Amino acid sequence: MAGAGQKVVLITGCSSGIGLRMAVMLAQDEQRRYHVIATMRNLQRKDKLVEAAGEAYGKTLSLAVLDVCSDDSVKQCIDGIKDRHVDVLINNAGIGLVGPLESIPVEEMKNVFETNFFGVIRMVKEVMPDMKRRRGGHIIVVSSVMGLQGVVFNDVYAASKFAMEGFCECLAVQLLKFNVTLSMIEPGPVHTEFESKMVQDVRQKEFPGTDPETVHYFKNVYLPSSVDIFETLGQTPDDIARCTKNVIEASSPRFRNLTNPWYTPIVALKYADETGGLSVHAFYHMLFNLGPLMHISMKAMQYLTCGCLRKRTGCFSTPKNGLASPLVSTVSLQFRGSCLRSSDRYSTALVWRGSGGVTWSPPSSRITTKFHMSTDG
């Protein structure tokens, strides 16, 4: 039970990874400002969480059974909380799905949406009326960079996150009228047991129904590039937990919170070009034409930075122009027939001119990454 002055924080998907670290970090808050209700489908998987929580378990951390895919489970969990009072709801539970579309059964696709999309909606519908009546509360949704920019072979997972982004953009407007805040946390790659196991599993799959050429591109082009990106730019669950804690404690929490400044170009590519073609062609060339060069670049970045990219942390919220990072970041996109310059107090600049390239200087980095490509076709 929460003590006087403590905020009740309910988190879904706490048996491992990001959810586990969120629960532990908030429960171990030095000022004891939170009582965390960490939930999971099966309490037999609680051991890692209990061990990590230490003395906080049973004091500022309690456990509850919750399956976000079950209406009854969601209602029973919320009804079990004193006065149904939840100050902060963190929707973290989620599952991934990667691979050639032809080989993925529709039932698997539905399962992804059942957890990633409808699971969040169930939770929001259950706590939102109470928050609106109290005229206060904070709903946090762990989304993904893939909710802003689709990534090849992640079609269904990205679609579930795009759906969630649209849902949140609509709902946030209504909630403001009731003094309820809605925030999205948008990580890029994160090192978790789930991610490692998924990569191992898909390497061994046969992908029936998919042509050999597509299977080759997935296994021999996409997967190596994905592993390189995770190893070079991936954050830890602690990084995402720390970002989320910062959002909870902000005096004016932002709606969109990118956790990784290295993904500023993704947002820039997506929203700076109204035709949508620039990001499509950029990702195509980076994957299929520049794969070997990208592999070398990632290894060089790991070497030059001594692994500090993986230690980079923080929460880089999106300013009004839609570009993320409160640090200095410059993005230069060059292609034929367009010219646009913009900058703001976040020192984020976008330049389009001529034909043929992308140049990006990441925040607080001595490294400049350049990609040159044709965007004609």
Protein backbone atom coordinates (compact mmCIF):
# COMPACT_ATOMS: atom_id res chain seq x y z
CA MET A 1 0.00 0.00 0.00
CA ALA A 2 1.26 3.45 -0.91
CA GLY A 3 2.35 5.71 1.91
CA ALA A 4 1.33 9.32 2.40
CA GLY A 5 2.52 11.47 -0.47
CA GLN A 6 3.68 8.54 -2.57
CA LYS A 7 2.58 8.24 -6.18
CA VAL A 8 1.15 4.90 -7.21
CA VAL A 9 2.91 3.73 -10.38
CA LEU A 10 1.59 0.69 -12.23
CA ILE A 11 3.91 -0.86 -14.83
CA THR A 12 3.05 -3.65 -17.26
CA GLY A 13 5.52 -6.27 -18.46
CA CYS A 14 7.96 -6.30 -15.54
CA SER A 15 9.35 -9.84 -15.60
CA SER A 16 12.45 -8.76 -17.53
CA GLY A 17 14.10 -6.05 -19.61
CA ILE A 18 12.87 -2.48 -19.64
CA GLY A 19 9.86 -3.07 -17.39
CA LEU A 20 11.97 -4.74 -14.72
CA ARG A 21 14.49 -1.90 -14.67
CA MET A 22 11.73 0.74 -14.59
CA ALA A 23 10.13 -0.95 -11.58
CA VAL A 24 13.41 -1.26 -9.71
CA MET A 25 14.60 2.27 -10.44
CA LEU A 26 11.36 3.87 -9.28
CA ALA A 27 11.00 1.60 -6.24
CA GLN A 28 14.56 2.42 -5.16
CA ASP A 29 14.03 6.17 -5.46
CA GLU A 30 16.06 7.73 -2.65
CA GLN A 31 13.21 10.04 -1.68
CA ARG A 32 10.71 7.15 -1.65
CA ARG A 33 8.29 9.12 -3.81
CA TYR A 34 6.75 6.09 -5.49
CA HIS A 35 4.93 2.91 -4.66
CA VAL A 36 5.42 0.66 -7.68
CA ILE A 37 2.97 -2.06 -8.67
CA ALA A 38 5.00 -4.25 -11.00
CA THR A 39 2.85 -6.58 -13.07
CA MET A 40 3.44 -9.65 -15.19
CA ARG A 41 1.36 -12.48 -16.64
CA ASN A 42 2.98 -15.18 -14.51
CA LEU A 43 4.33 -14.48 -11.02
CA GLN A 44 6.53 -17.56 -11.30
CA ARG A 45 8.82 -15.29 -13.32
CA LYS A 46 9.20 -12.79 -10.48
CA ASP A 47 12.59 -13.97 -9.16
CA LYS A 48 14.80 -11.65 -11.21
CA LEU A 49 12.69 -8.65 -10.29
CA VAL A 50 12.58 -9.52 -6.59
CA GLU A 51 16.35 -10.02 -6.51
CA ALA A 52 17.03 -6.74 -8.33
CA ALA A 53 14.63 -4.80 -6.09
CA GLY A 54 16.36 -5.92 -2.91
CA GLU A 55 15.01 -4.26 0.22
CA ALA A 56 12.49 -2.27 -1.83
CA TYR A 57 10.46 -5.43 -2.41
CA GLY A 58 7.50 -5.49 -0.06
CA LYS A 59 8.00 -1.83 0.85
CA THR A 60 7.94 0.43 -2.19
CA LEU A 61 7.47 -2.42 -4.67
CA SER A 62 4.60 -4.87 -4.83
CA LEU A 63 3.66 -7.45 -7.46
CA ALA A 64 0.42 -8.21 -9.26
CA VAL A 65 -0.73 -10.61 -11.94
CA LEU A 66 -1.78 -8.87 -15.14
CA ASP A 67 -2.29 -10.07 -18.70
CA VAL A 68 -2.88 -7.05 -20.94
CA CYS A 69 -4.55 -9.35 -23.49
CA SER A 70 -7.37 -10.21 -21.07
CA ASP A 71 -10.20 -7.82 -20.22
CA ASP A 72 -10.92 -9.72 -17.00
CA SER A 73 -7.27 -9.71 -15.90
CA VAL A 74 -6.95 -5.97 -16.48
CA LYS A 75 -10.11 -5.17 -14.52
CA GLN A 76 -9.22 -7.52 -11.68
CA CYS A 77 -5.77 -5.94 -11.33
CA ILE A 78 -7.07 -2.36 -11.19
CA ASP A 79 -9.94 -3.32 -8.86
CA GLY A 80 -7.33 -4.78 -6.50
CA ILE A 81 -5.66 -1.39 -6.04
CA LYS A 82 -6.92 0.72 -3.13
CA ASP A 83 -9.63 3.06 -4.44
CA ARG A 84 -8.48 2.06 -7.97
CA HIS A 85 -6.03 4.93 -7.57
CA VAL A 86 -3.20 4.93 -10.14
CA ASP A 87 -1.19 8.13 -10.48
CA VAL A 88 1.13 6.92 -13.24
CA LEU A 89 0.37 4.12 -15.70
CA ILE A 90 3.38 2.87 -17.68
CA ASN A 91 2.37 0.71 -20.63
CA ASN A 92 5.54 -1.27 -21.23
CA ALA A 93 4.36 -4.79 -22.15
CA GLY A 94 5.08 -5.60 -25.76
CA ILE A 95 6.23 -8.28 -28.18
CA GLY A 96 8.26 -8.16 -31.38
CA LEU A 97 7.97 -9.81 -34.77
CA VAL A 98 10.53 -9.73 -37.55
CA GLY A 99 10.94 -11.57 -40.83
CA PRO A 100 9.69 -11.77 -44.42
CA LEU A 101 5.98 -10.96 -44.51
CA GLU A 102 5.04 -13.93 -46.70
CA SER A 103 6.12 -16.40 -44.02
CA ILE A 104 4.27 -14.82 -41.08
CA PRO A 105 0.85 -16.33 -40.27
CA VAL A 106 -1.94 -13.81 -39.81
CA GLU A 107 -2.54 -15.19 -36.30
CA GLU A 108 1.00 -14.15 -35.30
CA MET A 109 0.31 -10.67 -36.65
CA LYS A 110 -2.90 -10.50 -34.61
CA ASN A 111 -0.99 -11.52 -31.48
CA VAL A 112 1.40 -8.59 -31.95
CA PHE A 113 -1.48 -6.13 -32.21
CA GLU A 114 -3.31 -7.81 -29.32
CA THR A 115 -0.38 -7.01 -27.00
CA ASN A 116 1.22 -3.89 -28.46
CA PHE A 117 -1.96 -2.03 -29.41
CA PHE A 118 -5.10 -3.47 -27.82
CA GLY A 119 -3.21 -4.27 -24.62
CA VAL A 120 -2.45 -0.59 -24.15
CA ILE A 121 -6.01 0.38 -25.00
CA ARG A 122 -7.36 -2.03 -22.36
CA MET A 123 -5.14 -0.49 -19.71
CA VAL A 124 -5.95 3.09 -20.70
CA LYS A 125 -9.70 2.44 -20.79
CA GLU A 126 -9.56 0.96 -17.29
CA VAL A 127 -7.60 3.76 -15.57
CA MET A 128 -8.58 6.80 -17.66
CA PRO A 129 -12.09 7.35 -16.21
CA ASP A 130 -10.70 7.48 -12.66
CA MET A 131 -7.93 9.87 -13.71
CA LYS A 132 -10.43 12.12 -15.47
CA ARG A 133 -12.67 12.20 -12.39
CA ARG A 134 -9.68 13.14 -10.21
CA ARG A 135 -8.50 15.66 -12.79
CA GLY A 136 -4.99 14.27 -12.60
CA GLY A 137 -2.76 11.45 -13.73
CA HIS A 138 0.00 10.52 -16.14
CA ILE A 139 -0.26 7.83 -18.82
CA ILE A 140 3.04 6.74 -20.36
CA VAL A 141 3.28 4.51 -23.42
CA VAL A 142 6.54 2.82 -24.39
CA SER A 143 6.43 3.11 -28.16
CA SER A 144 9.43 2.88 -30.50
CA VAL A 145 11.38 4.76 -33.14
CA MET A 146 9.64 2.27 -35.44
CA GLY A 147 6.41 4.06 -34.62
CA LEU A 148 7.89 7.06 -36.43
CA GLN A 149 9.80 5.36 -39.24
CA GLY A 150 9.17 1.89 -40.58
CA VAL A 151 12.12 -0.50 -40.90
CA VAL A 152 12.33 -3.21 -43.53
CA PHE A 153 11.30 -6.72 -42.38
CA ASN A 154 9.65 -5.23 -39.27
CA ASP A 155 6.38 -4.59 -41.11
CA VAL A 156 3.90 -5.86 -38.51
CA TYR A 157 5.78 -4.67 -35.41
CA ALA A 158 6.17 -1.19 -36.90
CA ALA A 159 2.50 -1.16 -37.87
CA SER A 160 1.51 -1.89 -34.26
CA LYS A 161 3.65 1.01 -33.06
CA PHE A 162 2.36 3.35 -35.78
CA ALA A 163 -1.16 2.50 -34.63
CA MET A 164 -0.22 3.31 -31.05
CA GLU A 165 1.34 6.64 -32.03
CA GLY A 166 -1.86 7.68 -33.81
CA PHE A 167 -3.99 6.56 -30.88
CA CYS A 168 -1.88 8.58 -28.44
CA GLU A 169 -1.83 11.70 -30.61
CA CYS A 170 -5.63 11.68 -30.66
CA LEU A 171 -6.15 10.85 -27.00
CA ALA A 172 -3.60 13.36 -25.68
CA VAL A 173 -5.76 16.25 -26.87
CA GLN A 174 -8.82 15.07 -24.95
CA LEU A 175 -6.86 14.26 -21.80
CA LEU A 176 -5.41 17.77 -21.57
CA LYS A 177 -8.92 19.03 -20.86
CA PHE A 178 -8.97 16.83 -17.74
CA ASN A 179 -5.44 17.67 -16.57
CA VAL A 180 -4.24 14.18 -17.47
CA THR A 181 -0.86 13.95 -19.20
CA LEU A 182 0.00 11.44 -21.92
CA SER A 183 3.64 10.82 -22.85
CA MET A 184 5.33 8.45 -25.27
CA ILE A 185 8.79 6.97 -24.75
CA GLU A 186 10.41 6.14 -28.10
CA PRO A 187 13.53 3.98 -27.81
CA GLY A 188 15.68 2.84 -30.68
CA PRO A 189 17.55 -0.46 -30.32
CA VAL A 190 17.77 -1.73 -26.73
CA HIS A 191 19.90 -4.62 -25.50
CA THR A 192 17.59 -7.15 -23.85
CA GLU A 193 17.39 -10.93 -23.51
CA PHE A 194 14.34 -10.84 -25.75
CA GLU A 195 16.22 -9.11 -28.57
CA SER A 196 19.13 -11.55 -28.40
CA LYS A 197 16.86 -14.60 -28.39
CA MET A 198 14.80 -13.28 -31.28
CA VAL A 199 17.89 -12.80 -33.47
CA GLN A 200 19.06 -16.34 -32.68
CA ASP A 201 15.64 -17.79 -33.47
CA VAL A 202 15.15 -16.07 -36.82
CA ARG A 203 18.61 -17.11 -38.01
CA GLN A 204 17.51 -20.74 -37.74
CA LYS A 205 14.04 -20.38 -39.28
CA GLU A 206 13.17 -21.65 -42.75
CA PHE A 207 10.54 -19.01 -43.70
CA PRO A 208 8.25 -21.21 -45.82
CA GLY A 209 6.38 -19.42 -48.57
CA THR A 210 9.12 -16.82 -49.06
CA ASP A 211 11.23 -16.76 -52.22
CA PRO A 212 14.96 -17.59 -51.80
CA GLU A 213 16.08 -14.10 -52.84
CA THR A 214 14.07 -12.41 -50.09
CA VAL A 215 15.28 -14.95 -47.51
CA HIS A 216 18.85 -14.20 -48.60
CA TYR A 217 18.34 -10.45 -48.16
CA PHE A 218 16.79 -10.99 -44.74
CA LYS A 219 19.40 -13.38 -43.36
CA ASN A 220 22.54 -12.10 -45.07
CA VAL A 221 21.87 -8.38 -45.47
CA TYR A 222 19.27 -7.22 -42.93
CA LEU A 223 20.27 -9.34 -39.92
CA PRO A 224 24.02 -8.47 -40.02
CA SER A 225 23.16 -4.78 -40.38
CA SER A 226 20.67 -5.00 -37.53
CA VAL A 227 23.23 -6.67 -35.26
CA ASP A 228 25.79 -3.97 -36.12
CA ILE A 229 23.32 -1.22 -35.22
CA PHE A 230 22.34 -2.87 -31.93
CA GLU A 231 25.98 -3.38 -30.95
CA THR A 232 26.97 0.18 -31.86
CA LEU A 233 23.97 2.35 -31.04
CA GLY A 234 21.91 0.17 -28.71
CA GLN A 235 20.95 1.45 -25.27
CA THR A 236 20.40 -0.53 -22.08
CA PRO A 237 17.11 -1.06 -20.22
CA ASP A 238 18.52 1.23 -17.52
CA ASP A 239 18.84 4.02 -20.09
CA ILE A 240 15.17 3.72 -20.99
CA ALA A 241 14.15 3.45 -17.34
CA ARG A 242 16.12 6.59 -16.50
CA CYS A 243 14.49 8.46 -19.36
CA THR A 244 11.05 7.39 -18.18
CA LYS A 245 11.79 8.49 -14.61
CA ASN A 246 12.86 11.88 -15.95
CA VAL A 247 9.57 12.20 -17.83
CA ILE A 248 7.56 11.33 -14.70
CA GLU A 249 9.44 13.93 -12.67
CA ALA A 250 9.35 16.71 -15.29
CA SER A 251 7.30 19.77 -14.36
CA SER A 252 5.84 19.83 -17.89
CA PRO A 253 6.28 16.35 -19.38
CA ARG A 254 6.66 16.25 -23.13
CA PHE A 255 4.37 14.24 -25.33
CA ARG A 256 7.09 12.63 -27.44
CA ASN A 257 10.39 11.55 -25.85
CA LEU A 258 13.10 10.03 -28.01
CA THR A 259 15.64 8.24 -25.83
CA ASN A 260 18.52 8.10 -28.30
CA PRO A 261 19.89 11.24 -30.03
CA TRP A 262 21.51 9.08 -32.71
CA TYR A 263 18.04 8.56 -34.16
CA THR A 264 17.43 12.24 -34.87
CA PRO A 265 18.06 11.63 -38.62
CA ILE A 266 15.21 9.12 -38.72
CA VAL A 267 12.76 11.75 -37.53
CA ALA A 268 14.32 14.32 -39.84
CA LEU A 269 14.16 12.09 -42.91
CA LYS A 270 10.55 11.15 -42.21
CA TYR A 271 9.03 14.53 -41.52
CA ALA A 272 11.16 16.88 -43.62
CA ASP A 273 10.05 15.40 -46.95
CA GLU A 274 6.33 15.60 -47.66
CA THR A 275 6.59 13.10 -50.54
CA GLY A 276 7.89 10.33 -48.27
CA GLY A 277 10.34 9.21 -50.92
CA LEU A 278 13.52 10.45 -49.28
CA SER A 279 13.38 8.14 -46.29
CA VAL A 280 12.36 5.15 -48.44
CA HIS A 281 15.28 5.63 -50.84
CA ALA A 282 17.71 6.48 -48.04
CA PHE A 283 16.97 3.24 -46.19
CA TYR A 284 17.05 1.27 -49.44
CA HIS A 285 20.51 2.51 -50.37
CA MET A 286 21.87 2.19 -46.84
CA LEU A 287 20.78 -1.45 -46.64
CA PHE A 288 21.18 -2.82 -50.15
CA ASN A 289 23.92 -0.63 -51.66
CA LEU A 290 25.93 0.49 -48.65
CA GLY A 291 25.69 -2.58 -46.42
CA PRO A 292 29.44 -3.43 -46.36
CA LEU A 293 30.39 0.24 -45.90
CA MET A 294 27.85 0.56 -43.11
CA HIS A 295 29.33 -2.49 -41.37
CA ILE A 296 32.81 -0.95 -41.52
CA SER A 297 31.49 2.41 -40.31
CA MET A 298 29.76 0.81 -37.31
CA LYS A 299 32.89 -1.10 -36.32
CA ALA A 300 34.97 2.07 -36.69
CA MET A 301 32.54 4.00 -34.51
CA GLN A 302 32.74 1.30 -31.83
CA TYR A 303 36.53 1.45 -31.93
CA LEU A 304 36.85 5.25 -31.98
CA THR A 305 34.39 5.79 -29.15
CA CYS A 306 35.56 2.88 -26.97
CA GLY A 307 31.98 1.70 -26.68
CA CYS A 308 30.72 4.95 -25.18
CA LEU A 309 27.88 5.09 -27.71
CA ARG A 310 26.28 2.19 -25.87
CA LYS A 311 26.61 4.10 -22.61
CA ARG A 312 24.96 7.23 -23.97
CA THR A 313 21.81 7.90 -22.03
CA GLY A 314 19.22 10.53 -21.41
CA CYS A 315 15.82 11.45 -22.73
CA PHE A 316 15.86 13.59 -25.81
CA SER A 317 12.45 15.17 -26.16
CA THR A 318 11.05 16.43 -29.41
CA PRO A 319 10.83 20.21 -29.79
CA LYS A 320 8.14 21.97 -31.79
CA ASN A 321 9.73 21.30 -35.16
CA GLY A 322 9.61 17.54 -34.56
CA LEU A 323 13.36 17.01 -34.37
CA ALA A 324 14.81 15.41 -31.29
CA SER A 325 17.71 16.31 -29.03
CA PRO A 326 18.35 19.17 -26.66
CA LEU A 327 22.01 18.91 -27.64
CA VAL A 328 23.75 20.17 -30.75
CA SER A 329 22.82 18.03 -33.73
CA THR A 330 23.18 18.84 -37.40
CA VAL A 331 21.52 16.92 -40.17
CA SER A 332 22.24 17.69 -43.80
CA LEU A 333 20.12 15.97 -46.42
CA GLN A 334 21.02 16.59 -50.02
CA PHE A 335 19.01 15.62 -53.08
CA ARG A 336 17.92 17.07 -56.39
CA GLY A 337 15.46 19.91 -56.73
CA SER A 338 14.70 21.00 -53.16
CA CYS A 339 16.15 23.43 -50.68
CA LEU A 340 15.13 24.02 -47.09
CA ARG A 341 16.97 25.38 -44.08
CA SER A 342 15.66 25.43 -40.56
CA SER A 343 17.10 25.67 -37.08
CA ASP A 344 15.92 26.49 -33.59
CA ARG A 345 17.19 26.81 -30.03
CA TYR A 346 17.96 23.10 -30.05
CA SER A 347 20.58 23.77 -32.72
CA THR A 348 19.06 21.19 -35.03
CA ALA A 349 19.61 22.15 -38.66
CA LEU A 350 18.30 20.56 -41.79
CA VAL A 351 19.74 21.47 -45.19
CA TRP A 352 18.58 20.13 -48.56
CA ARG A 353 20.41 21.09 -51.70
CA GLY A 354 21.72 19.73 -54.97
CA SER A 355 21.67 15.97 -55.49
CA GLY A 356 23.25 13.13 -53.73
CA GLY A 357 23.86 12.73 -50.03
CA VAL A 358 23.19 12.73 -46.34
CA THR A 359 25.56 14.21 -43.79
CA TRP A 360 24.93 14.04 -40.07
CA SER A 361 26.98 15.26 -37.14
CA PRO A 362 25.57 13.47 -34.07
CA PRO A 363 25.14 15.27 -30.73
CA SER A 364 28.29 15.95 -28.77
CA SER A 365 30.36 13.82 -31.09
CA ARG A 366 33.52 14.35 -33.09
CA ILE A 367 32.31 11.90 -35.68
CA THR A 368 30.55 12.95 -38.87
CA THR A 369 28.67 10.23 -40.71
CA LYS A 370 28.13 10.69 -44.43
CA PHE A 371 25.98 8.71 -46.82
CA HIS A 372 25.96 9.49 -50.53
CA MET A 373 23.18 8.15 -52.68
CA SER A 374 21.00 8.79 -55.69
CA THR A 375 17.38 9.55 -54.88
CA ASP A 376 16.10 9.75 -58.44
CA GLY A 377 14.28 6.52 -58.55
